[in-house]
Every structure is written in structure tokens, then in C-alpha cells.
Amino acid sequence: MLPPAPRYESLDACRGAACLMVVAAHATMFGSHAAGADDGSAAGWAVAACARLVVGVPLFFVISGYCIAAAADATRGRGGSVGGYFARRVRRIYPPYAAAVGLTAAAAVLLPGLLTGDFGPIAPVPDPLALAPARWAAGLTLTETWRPLYDPARPALFVLGPAWTLCYEEQFYAVAGSILLVAPRRFFLGCLVVTGVVAAGAAGRWGGLPVTGTFLDGRWLMFAAGVGVYYARNRAGRAGRAGVVAGLLAGIGWAGWRTEGLTDFRFYDPIADPKELVPAFAFALALLAARRWDRVAAGSAAGRVLGGVGRYSYSLYLVHYPICLALGHAAFRAGLTDPRATLFLVLPAAVALSVVAARRFYRVVESRFLSAPGSAGPAGHRPRAKSPSVARAGPGELDIVHPKAITSYKCSP
């Protein structure tokens, strides 16, 4: 029996808001690191606040957890193919990602002074002509976060800066798909077991074993929080819902006690400093608490606008970084480092250009991979499904069908 209400209508808006948060953080990178950025003014405070909006990344992981849980639940409910699950993941994520990497590399060759070089604490685009084949292979397969485990002398490096999050997403989907393959009727129990193992290992810092860059380093717990929200909302009884809430509260307490500098949302080592778990778990609790206002939030003016952004947010996530990097560096070189210039010139320009580029990228590239192979209609066009409905999940929108539910939603960064 399928869950009665797998759809969370305002998740598109949440995803759009989270993506815009990340764009704003990257748009103000140079301004927030410039000398005199913290001048005590309201503009300086606002720029410092924008730098902390990378907190949108943990929110993405939670949303992905909810959506992949919905996908897995629907797949096992209709007896779907696990092979199809993995095939749709590959089709939806890798081709748009490869296109974005290609565009970024081309821009780095054409604009080396703006995108490549030594930018101090800010990650540049590495010189694509100097990257070794092994680096290209790891980057394009989204396994670059793993490579330092066997090549520690060379830290992870990405042509497309935000790709490190996609490396984790792919691991999350692989683990969820493996659970679905091995124990489809015990999917949520399997997720709970993996979560327990990861939590215990992270608490003990894995005995010093090098696991950073893999789902074992604790970042699975954010994805699991989204799975927990789905389970509590659609499958659990009263005791199960209470267990999810208790687990999230305990996680907030543990991560808050373990971390240092909770307001500094630079993510480096989740084993030593699991600060990102706090906003992730708090967001998961908010999703549970806001269930009764879901439709109202999705139908509000802000919900519709952010939901519109959410529908092409994977494209926005892929294309925004080189735009923000180039504009921020150009402003820095021109001496526009005052917080007011960053806030009222660089930030709106970078956000606007990123949104325009993302919409175009969505139409030209991403939309071509929304339909399953062999579906009717020209490339880039997806006919609107009436029944059964289509639900999409993950950073690349995994297509799933709910035969008894007339709903449709997207859940991807």
C-alpha cells in the first residue's frame, strides 16, 4: 500500500530558497573577505550574514533525503526496477553536470584572470589545461571527494566548485538504492541501520580512519534526516513520529556540543566539526512542524516565486559559481570592496545573471534529460502527466510514479 500523501508541496519553494542562499553566499565571497568588510555598518553586517548563507547546503541534503525516500517508497510499492532507479539517476545528474563543467572550463580558458589564480581562501577554477587525466576522471564521475583517501598528497579539486556536494549526493543515492535492492520491504529499517552505524562511527571519529569525503563522515545523517521526515509524515505511527523527533533533537544537542564556532558555516571536516548537522536537523524538525501549513505556504506569493526557482534550481546550482566568481573578482580588482558596493552592486548583479543563465541552461540542457529514454515528445519537452502522476526527486529529479496519487513535485537542488 502506497503512502496517502507523499507530496510535500512547498519543497520546491524550500529548494529554491536554499539555492538562492548559496548563490548569495558565493556572490559576496570577495566582499566578505576584503579588508574593512567588517566595518560595523549595517551593510557590513549584511555582507557577513550573506557569507553564512552556505547553510543552504545542509538544507539541500535534507530535501534530497525526503525525495529519495519518496522515490524508493514508490518504487517498492509498485514493484519497480531498482536498475531503472539507478539509470534515471545517471541520466538526470551526469549530462547536465558534464555540460556545466565544460562551460566552466571553457570560461576559465577564455577568462583566466578572473576565474583562475590564487584567491586566498576563495576556491578558484583550476586551470583546466593543467589538470591531470586522473583529476578529470574523478571530477566528471563525481568521485573527487574520495580520491584524497588514496592520494592524500593532493587535496580534492573541482573545476566546478559546488560539485563537492554532488559527490555526496551520489553516494546517498547509491546507498539508498542498495538498501532498496537488498531489502525493499525493509527500506526504512535499512536506512535506520546505516544511520546508526554512521552516527556511531562519527561519534568515535572512526578511530582515526580516513573517511572524510565519503558518506561515512557524518553527512549521511543530514540525508537520513530527510528520510526520517518522509517516514514520519507518511509511514510512521505515533511512536515512530516521536522517535524521529527525539532523534533529531538529540542530534542537534550532540552536534551543538561537539562543534566550535557554530555561526561560522565554512564546511571542512564534518568528523571534527559537525556544525552543519544543527541547521539540517532544525530544518527537518521545521518540515515536520509545518506540515499543516504546507499548501498555504506553497500557494503564497513567496511560495510561488521560490517554487519557480526551485524547479530549475539544479541548473542554477550548476552555473552560478563561475558567474559569482568572475563578478566578485572583477569588482575586487576594480576596488569595489566596500560592503555597500558588495551588497547593492555585486550581489544583485551576480544573482540576476545567475538566474538568467540558469533559466537558459535549463531550457537548452537540463530539460532534455527530464524525460525517460524513449518517451514521447521532442527533446527538451516533457508532456504534462495527468494520471498517473510524476514526482521528481534528488538533484537531478528522479522520476517516479504513484498510481494512486494524483500529485506532482520536484525535489532537487
Protein backbone atom coordinates (compact mmCIF):
# COMPACT_ATOMS: atom_id res chain seq x y z
CA MET A 1 0.00 0.00 0.00
CA LEU A 2 1.38 3.39 -1.03
CA PRO A 3 1.52 6.26 1.45
CA PRO A 4 -1.52 8.54 1.31
CA ALA A 5 0.30 11.86 0.91
CA PRO A 6 3.92 11.55 -0.28
CA ARG A 7 3.86 15.01 -1.80
CA TYR A 8 5.26 17.94 0.16
CA GLU A 9 4.06 20.86 -1.92
CA SER A 10 6.32 23.56 -0.51
CA LEU A 11 9.56 21.59 -1.02
CA ASP A 12 10.08 23.31 -4.36
CA ALA A 13 9.98 26.65 -2.55
CA CYS A 14 12.36 25.37 0.12
CA ARG A 15 14.73 24.14 -2.54
CA GLY A 16 14.55 27.46 -4.40
CA ALA A 17 15.25 29.38 -1.20
CA ALA A 18 18.18 27.11 -0.30
CA CYS A 19 19.70 27.53 -3.75
CA LEU A 20 19.38 31.32 -3.66
CA MET A 21 21.03 31.29 -0.24
CA VAL A 22 24.06 29.51 -1.69
CA VAL A 23 24.16 31.89 -4.67
CA ALA A 24 24.09 34.91 -2.34
CA ALA A 25 26.92 33.45 -0.26
CA HIS A 26 29.09 32.93 -3.33
CA ALA A 27 28.19 36.32 -4.79
CA THR A 28 29.61 38.04 -1.68
CA MET A 29 32.75 35.90 -1.31
CA PHE A 30 35.26 38.59 -2.24
CA GLY A 31 33.40 41.33 -0.41
CA SER A 32 33.19 39.35 2.81
CA HIS A 33 36.95 38.61 2.75
CA ALA A 34 38.05 42.12 1.75
CA ALA A 35 39.87 44.34 4.21
CA GLY A 36 37.38 46.51 6.06
CA ALA A 37 34.44 44.25 5.28
CA ASP A 38 33.51 44.12 8.94
CA ASP A 39 33.26 47.89 9.41
CA GLY A 40 30.42 47.75 11.90
CA SER A 41 27.89 49.21 9.47
CA ALA A 42 24.54 47.69 8.61
CA ALA A 43 25.90 46.87 5.14
CA GLY A 44 28.92 45.17 6.67
CA TRP A 45 26.66 43.10 8.92
CA ALA A 46 24.50 42.15 5.94
CA VAL A 47 27.53 41.03 3.89
CA ALA A 48 28.76 38.95 6.83
CA ALA A 49 25.28 37.41 7.09
CA CYS A 50 25.32 36.56 3.36
CA ALA A 51 28.61 34.71 3.82
CA ARG A 52 26.83 32.39 6.25
CA LEU A 53 24.09 31.53 3.79
CA VAL A 54 26.09 28.49 2.66
CA VAL A 55 23.92 26.93 5.35
CA GLY A 56 21.61 26.28 2.40
CA VAL A 57 23.77 23.23 1.55
CA PRO A 58 22.63 21.15 4.57
CA LEU A 59 19.06 22.04 3.68
CA PHE A 60 19.60 20.53 0.23
CA PHE A 61 20.75 17.27 1.78
CA VAL A 62 17.60 17.06 3.91
CA ILE A 63 15.36 17.74 0.91
CA SER A 64 17.19 15.08 -1.09
CA GLY A 65 16.62 12.59 1.70
CA TYR A 66 12.88 13.24 1.67
CA CYS A 67 12.65 12.93 -2.09
CA ILE A 68 14.75 9.80 -2.45
CA ALA A 69 12.69 8.20 0.32
CA ALA A 70 9.58 9.05 -1.71
CA ALA A 71 11.21 7.59 -4.83
CA ALA A 72 12.25 4.40 -3.07
CA ASP A 73 8.84 4.01 -1.42
CA ALA A 74 7.09 4.39 -4.74
CA THR A 75 9.49 2.00 -6.49
CA ARG A 76 8.95 -0.76 -3.96
CA GLY A 77 5.23 -0.04 -3.79
CA ARG A 78 4.70 -0.66 -7.48
CA GLY A 79 7.39 -3.32 -7.83
CA GLY A 80 9.56 -1.04 -9.94
CA SER A 81 13.04 -1.81 -11.16
CA VAL A 82 15.99 -0.83 -8.99
CA GLY A 83 18.02 -0.78 -12.20
CA GLY A 84 15.64 1.86 -13.50
CA TYR A 85 16.20 3.83 -10.29
CA PHE A 86 19.94 3.97 -10.93
CA ALA A 87 19.57 4.60 -14.66
CA ARG A 88 17.36 7.63 -14.04
CA ARG A 89 19.86 8.99 -11.52
CA VAL A 90 22.70 8.77 -14.01
CA ARG A 91 20.65 10.27 -16.84
CA ARG A 92 19.39 13.19 -14.81
CA ILE A 93 22.57 14.17 -12.98
CA TYR A 94 25.59 13.49 -15.15
CA PRO A 95 24.80 15.01 -18.58
CA PRO A 96 23.82 18.47 -17.20
CA TYR A 97 26.74 18.34 -14.80
CA ALA A 98 29.19 17.47 -17.60
CA ALA A 99 27.82 20.31 -19.71
CA ALA A 100 28.28 22.76 -16.83
CA VAL A 101 31.84 21.57 -16.25
CA GLY A 102 32.60 22.02 -19.95
CA LEU A 103 31.23 25.55 -19.96
CA THR A 104 33.15 26.44 -16.82
CA ALA A 105 36.40 25.04 -18.23
CA ALA A 106 35.92 26.99 -21.45
CA ALA A 107 35.26 30.18 -19.48
CA ALA A 108 38.42 29.57 -17.42
CA VAL A 109 40.49 29.29 -20.60
CA LEU A 110 38.94 32.46 -22.05
CA LEU A 111 38.95 34.47 -18.78
CA PRO A 112 41.97 33.20 -16.85
CA GLY A 113 42.48 36.45 -14.99
CA LEU A 114 39.00 36.34 -13.48
CA LEU A 115 38.45 32.66 -12.77
CA THR A 116 41.89 31.12 -12.17
CA GLY A 117 44.73 32.05 -9.87
CA ASP A 118 45.39 32.33 -6.16
CA PHE A 119 42.37 33.89 -4.46
CA GLY A 120 43.40 33.09 -0.90
CA PRO A 121 40.51 31.46 1.00
CA ILE A 122 38.28 31.57 -2.09
CA ALA A 123 38.32 28.49 -4.32
CA PRO A 124 39.20 29.45 -7.92
CA VAL A 125 38.51 27.45 -11.05
CA PRO A 126 41.67 25.39 -11.56
CA ASP A 127 43.47 25.75 -14.85
CA PRO A 128 41.68 23.10 -16.93
CA LEU A 129 44.67 22.71 -19.25
CA ALA A 130 46.90 21.76 -16.31
CA LEU A 131 44.60 19.18 -14.73
CA ALA A 132 45.85 15.60 -14.89
CA PRO A 133 43.60 13.00 -16.55
CA ALA A 134 43.00 11.33 -13.17
CA ARG A 135 41.65 14.62 -11.84
CA TRP A 136 39.33 14.99 -14.81
CA ALA A 137 38.11 11.43 -14.42
CA ALA A 138 37.41 11.84 -10.69
CA GLY A 139 35.74 15.19 -11.24
CA LEU A 140 33.47 14.08 -14.05
CA THR A 141 32.43 10.90 -12.25
CA LEU A 142 31.77 12.81 -9.01
CA THR A 143 34.27 10.73 -7.08
CA GLU A 144 36.77 13.51 -6.43
CA THR A 145 35.97 13.66 -2.69
CA TRP A 146 37.12 10.03 -2.44
CA ARG A 147 40.41 10.48 -4.30
CA PRO A 148 42.38 12.02 -1.39
CA LEU A 149 41.77 8.82 0.57
CA TYR A 150 44.26 7.02 -1.67
CA ASP A 151 46.14 10.12 -2.86
CA PRO A 152 46.40 12.29 0.28
CA ALA A 153 49.24 14.38 -1.11
CA ARG A 154 46.80 16.09 -3.48
CA PRO A 155 43.63 17.50 -1.88
CA ALA A 156 40.29 17.48 -3.66
CA LEU A 157 39.99 19.95 -6.51
CA PHE A 158 36.92 20.77 -8.58
CA VAL A 159 36.51 22.56 -11.90
CA LEU A 160 33.01 23.38 -10.69
CA GLY A 161 33.32 24.42 -7.04
CA PRO A 162 29.92 23.27 -5.70
CA ALA A 163 30.43 19.79 -7.20
CA TRP A 164 31.68 18.50 -3.85
CA THR A 165 28.08 18.38 -2.66
CA LEU A 166 27.06 16.31 -5.69
CA CYS A 167 29.79 13.81 -4.80
CA TYR A 168 27.96 13.24 -1.53
CA GLU A 169 24.54 13.19 -3.17
CA GLU A 170 25.64 10.40 -5.49
CA GLN A 171 26.81 8.36 -2.52
CA PHE A 172 23.50 8.92 -0.74
CA TYR A 173 21.56 7.71 -3.77
CA ALA A 174 23.84 4.71 -4.17
CA VAL A 175 23.37 3.67 -0.54
CA ALA A 176 19.60 4.18 -0.72
CA GLY A 177 19.43 2.21 -3.96
CA SER A 178 21.49 -0.60 -2.44
CA ILE A 179 19.11 -0.82 0.51
CA LEU A 180 16.20 -0.87 -1.93
CA LEU A 181 17.87 -3.72 -3.83
CA VAL A 182 18.76 -5.82 -0.80
CA ALA A 183 15.77 -5.21 1.44
CA PRO A 184 12.95 -3.45 -0.42
CA ARG A 185 10.35 -4.32 2.23
CA ARG A 186 12.63 -3.08 5.00
CA PHE A 187 13.87 0.06 3.30
CA PHE A 188 13.32 2.38 6.25
CA LEU A 189 14.78 -0.13 8.68
CA GLY A 190 17.81 -0.40 6.42
CA CYS A 191 18.21 3.38 6.42
CA LEU A 192 17.96 3.34 10.21
CA VAL A 193 20.70 0.72 10.46
CA VAL A 194 23.02 2.70 8.16
CA THR A 195 22.24 5.85 10.14
CA GLY A 196 23.11 4.12 13.40
CA VAL A 197 26.41 2.86 12.01
CA VAL A 198 27.35 6.28 10.63
CA ALA A 199 26.33 8.05 13.85
CA ALA A 200 28.36 5.65 15.99
CA GLY A 201 31.36 5.91 13.72
CA ALA A 202 31.21 9.70 13.58
CA ALA A 203 30.85 9.92 17.35
CA GLY A 204 34.01 7.85 17.71
CA ARG A 205 35.71 9.71 14.84
CA TRP A 206 36.00 6.27 13.19
CA GLY A 207 39.01 5.52 15.32
CA GLY A 208 41.13 7.83 13.20
CA LEU A 209 40.33 6.06 9.94
CA PRO A 210 40.28 8.42 6.92
CA VAL A 211 36.63 8.61 5.87
CA THR A 212 36.22 12.33 5.12
CA GLY A 213 34.72 12.74 1.67
CA THR A 214 32.53 9.64 1.99
CA PHE A 215 29.02 9.32 3.38
CA LEU A 216 30.57 7.74 6.50
CA ASP A 217 31.97 11.08 7.67
CA GLY A 218 28.58 12.09 9.08
CA ARG A 219 26.98 13.87 6.18
CA TRP A 220 24.70 10.87 5.60
CA LEU A 221 22.94 11.96 8.79
CA MET A 222 21.53 15.05 7.04
CA PHE A 223 20.19 12.90 4.22
CA ALA A 224 18.81 10.50 6.82
CA ALA A 225 17.00 13.41 8.48
CA GLY A 226 15.05 13.91 5.25
CA VAL A 227 14.29 10.20 5.08
CA GLY A 228 13.06 10.46 8.65
CA VAL A 229 10.74 13.34 7.77
CA TYR A 230 9.23 11.30 4.94
CA TYR A 231 8.83 8.26 7.17
CA ALA A 232 7.25 10.26 10.00
CA ARG A 233 4.92 12.02 7.61
CA ASN A 234 3.78 9.03 5.58
CA ARG A 235 4.58 5.71 7.23
CA ALA A 236 5.09 6.01 10.97
CA GLY A 237 2.63 5.71 13.77
CA ARG A 238 2.67 7.96 16.82
CA ALA A 239 5.64 6.15 18.37
CA GLY A 240 7.59 6.30 15.10
CA ARG A 241 6.99 10.02 14.72
CA ALA A 242 8.07 10.60 18.30
CA GLY A 243 11.21 8.59 17.65
CA VAL A 244 12.12 10.71 14.62
CA VAL A 245 11.61 13.93 16.57
CA ALA A 246 13.63 12.62 19.51
CA GLY A 247 16.44 11.56 17.20
CA LEU A 248 16.59 14.98 15.55
CA LEU A 249 16.60 16.79 18.90
CA ALA A 250 19.33 14.51 20.20
CA GLY A 251 21.34 15.14 17.05
CA ILE A 252 21.08 18.90 17.49
CA GLY A 253 22.24 18.61 21.09
CA TRP A 254 25.16 16.34 20.22
CA ALA A 255 26.35 18.38 17.22
CA GLY A 256 25.99 21.67 19.12
CA TRP A 257 28.04 20.28 21.99
CA ARG A 258 30.68 18.83 19.69
CA THR A 259 31.21 21.80 17.41
CA GLU A 260 33.16 25.02 17.74
CA GLY A 261 32.09 28.31 16.20
CA LEU A 262 28.51 27.38 15.39
CA THR A 263 27.92 30.59 13.41
CA ASP A 264 30.93 30.02 11.13
CA PHE A 265 29.40 27.90 8.39
CA ARG A 266 32.54 27.01 6.49
CA PHE A 267 32.39 23.27 5.90
CA TYR A 268 35.70 21.48 6.01
CA ASP A 269 35.74 18.40 8.22
CA PRO A 270 32.39 17.07 9.47
CA ILE A 271 34.17 14.50 11.63
CA ALA A 272 35.95 17.12 13.73
CA ASP A 273 33.33 19.85 13.46
CA PRO A 274 29.77 18.64 12.69
CA LYS A 275 28.20 22.10 12.86
CA GLU A 276 26.24 21.59 9.65
CA LEU A 277 24.11 18.95 11.35
CA VAL A 278 22.48 21.60 13.54
CA PRO A 279 20.72 23.59 10.78
CA ALA A 280 19.95 20.36 8.89
CA PHE A 281 18.19 18.74 11.84
CA ALA A 282 16.46 22.01 12.76
CA PHE A 283 15.16 22.27 9.19
CA ALA A 284 13.90 18.69 9.32
CA LEU A 285 12.01 19.49 12.53
CA ALA A 286 10.56 22.58 10.86
CA LEU A 287 9.32 20.47 7.93
CA LEU A 288 7.54 18.19 10.36
CA ALA A 289 6.03 21.07 12.32
CA ALA A 290 4.93 22.99 9.21
CA ARG A 291 3.03 20.11 7.64
CA ARG A 292 -0.38 21.62 8.33
CA TRP A 293 0.59 24.84 6.55
CA ASP A 294 2.22 23.13 3.57
CA ARG A 295 -0.36 24.04 0.93
CA VAL A 296 -0.78 27.56 2.25
CA ALA A 297 2.96 28.15 2.08
CA ALA A 298 3.24 26.68 -1.42
CA GLY A 299 0.33 28.80 -2.67
CA SER A 300 1.52 32.10 -1.20
CA ALA A 301 3.15 34.73 -3.38
CA ALA A 302 6.60 33.98 -1.95
CA GLY A 303 5.98 30.25 -2.25
CA ARG A 304 5.10 30.55 -5.93
CA VAL A 305 8.15 32.69 -6.71
CA LEU A 306 10.56 30.46 -4.80
CA GLY A 307 8.85 27.37 -6.18
CA GLY A 308 9.53 28.68 -9.67
CA VAL A 309 13.22 28.99 -8.81
CA GLY A 310 13.13 25.55 -7.24
CA ARG A 311 12.01 23.98 -10.49
CA TYR A 312 15.26 24.95 -12.25
CA SER A 313 17.46 25.08 -9.16
CA TYR A 314 19.72 22.24 -10.31
CA SER A 315 20.66 24.40 -13.29
CA LEU A 316 21.12 27.39 -11.01
CA TYR A 317 23.33 25.36 -8.71
CA LEU A 318 25.46 24.23 -11.66
CA VAL A 319 26.01 27.56 -13.40
CA HIS A 320 26.13 30.18 -10.67
CA TYR A 321 29.63 29.67 -9.22
CA PRO A 322 31.79 30.86 -12.16
CA ILE A 323 29.44 33.83 -12.61
CA CYS A 324 29.72 34.82 -8.95
CA LEU A 325 33.47 34.23 -9.00
CA ALA A 326 34.05 36.35 -12.11
CA LEU A 327 31.86 39.25 -10.98
CA GLY A 328 33.21 39.22 -7.45
CA HIS A 329 36.82 39.13 -8.62
CA ALA A 330 36.22 41.87 -11.20
CA ALA A 331 34.69 44.09 -8.52
CA PHE A 332 37.57 43.33 -6.16
CA ARG A 333 40.15 44.27 -8.80
CA ALA A 334 38.24 47.46 -9.53
CA GLY A 335 38.40 48.44 -5.86
CA LEU A 336 34.70 47.89 -5.19
CA THR A 337 35.29 46.24 -1.83
CA ASP A 338 33.14 48.48 0.33
CA PRO A 339 30.29 46.50 1.95
CA ARG A 340 27.74 48.78 0.31
CA ALA A 341 29.19 48.08 -3.14
CA THR A 342 29.11 44.35 -2.42
CA LEU A 343 25.57 44.47 -1.10
CA PHE A 344 23.94 46.82 -3.61
CA LEU A 345 26.01 46.21 -6.77
CA VAL A 346 27.82 42.87 -6.83
CA LEU A 347 25.17 40.80 -5.05
CA PRO A 348 22.14 41.76 -7.18
CA ALA A 349 24.17 41.62 -10.40
CA ALA A 350 25.52 38.14 -9.62
CA VAL A 351 22.11 36.79 -8.56
CA ALA A 352 20.36 38.26 -11.61
CA LEU A 353 22.95 36.97 -14.10
CA SER A 354 22.99 33.57 -12.43
CA VAL A 355 19.20 33.28 -12.62
CA VAL A 356 19.12 34.32 -16.28
CA ALA A 357 21.92 31.87 -17.15
CA ALA A 358 20.25 29.09 -15.17
CA ARG A 359 16.91 29.51 -16.92
CA ARG A 360 18.67 29.35 -20.27
CA PHE A 361 20.73 26.33 -19.21
CA TYR A 362 17.58 24.63 -18.01
CA ARG A 363 15.84 25.11 -21.36
CA VAL A 364 18.81 24.17 -23.52
CA VAL A 365 20.44 21.40 -21.46
CA GLU A 366 18.69 20.16 -18.34
CA SER A 367 15.18 19.89 -19.78
CA ARG A 368 16.46 17.41 -22.37
CA PHE A 369 17.03 14.89 -19.60
CA LEU A 370 13.74 15.23 -17.76
CA SER A 371 12.01 12.58 -19.85
CA ALA A 372 12.90 8.94 -19.63
CA PRO A 373 14.55 7.44 -22.73
CA GLY A 374 12.01 6.53 -25.31
CA SER A 375 9.32 8.85 -24.02
CA ALA A 376 7.14 10.68 -26.48
CA GLY A 377 7.79 14.25 -27.46
CA PRO A 378 10.78 16.17 -28.82
CA ALA A 379 13.96 16.56 -26.84
CA GLY A 380 13.61 19.16 -24.15
CA HIS A 381 9.84 18.78 -23.98
CA ARG A 382 8.06 16.79 -21.34
CA PRO A 383 4.33 16.37 -21.77
CA ARG A 384 2.39 17.10 -18.61
CA ALA A 385 1.26 13.90 -16.95
CA LYS A 386 -2.33 13.76 -15.79
CA SER A 387 -2.56 10.28 -14.30
CA PRO A 388 -0.59 8.57 -13.04
CA SER A 389 1.34 11.48 -11.64
CA VAL A 390 5.05 12.15 -11.85
CA ALA A 391 7.13 13.01 -8.82
CA ARG A 392 10.75 14.01 -9.19
CA ALA A 393 13.47 13.66 -6.62
CA GLY A 394 17.08 14.47 -5.97
CA PRO A 395 19.42 16.99 -7.55
CA GLY A 396 18.55 15.57 -10.91
CA GLU A 397 14.85 14.83 -10.37
CA LEU A 398 14.28 11.10 -10.22
CA ASP A 399 11.04 10.26 -11.98
CA ILE A 400 8.69 8.05 -10.01
CA VAL A 401 5.07 7.13 -10.47
CA HIS A 402 2.37 6.95 -7.82
CA PRO A 403 -0.51 5.06 -9.48
CA LYS A 404 -2.99 6.01 -6.76
CA ALA A 405 -1.92 9.58 -6.17
CA ILE A 406 -2.63 12.49 -8.48
CA THR A 407 0.33 14.61 -7.44
CA SER A 408 3.47 16.03 -8.98
CA TYR A 409 6.52 17.66 -7.46
CA LYS A 410 10.25 18.20 -7.92
CA CYS A 411 12.84 17.84 -5.25
CA SER A 412 16.32 18.74 -6.44
CA PRO A 413 18.91 21.45 -5.79
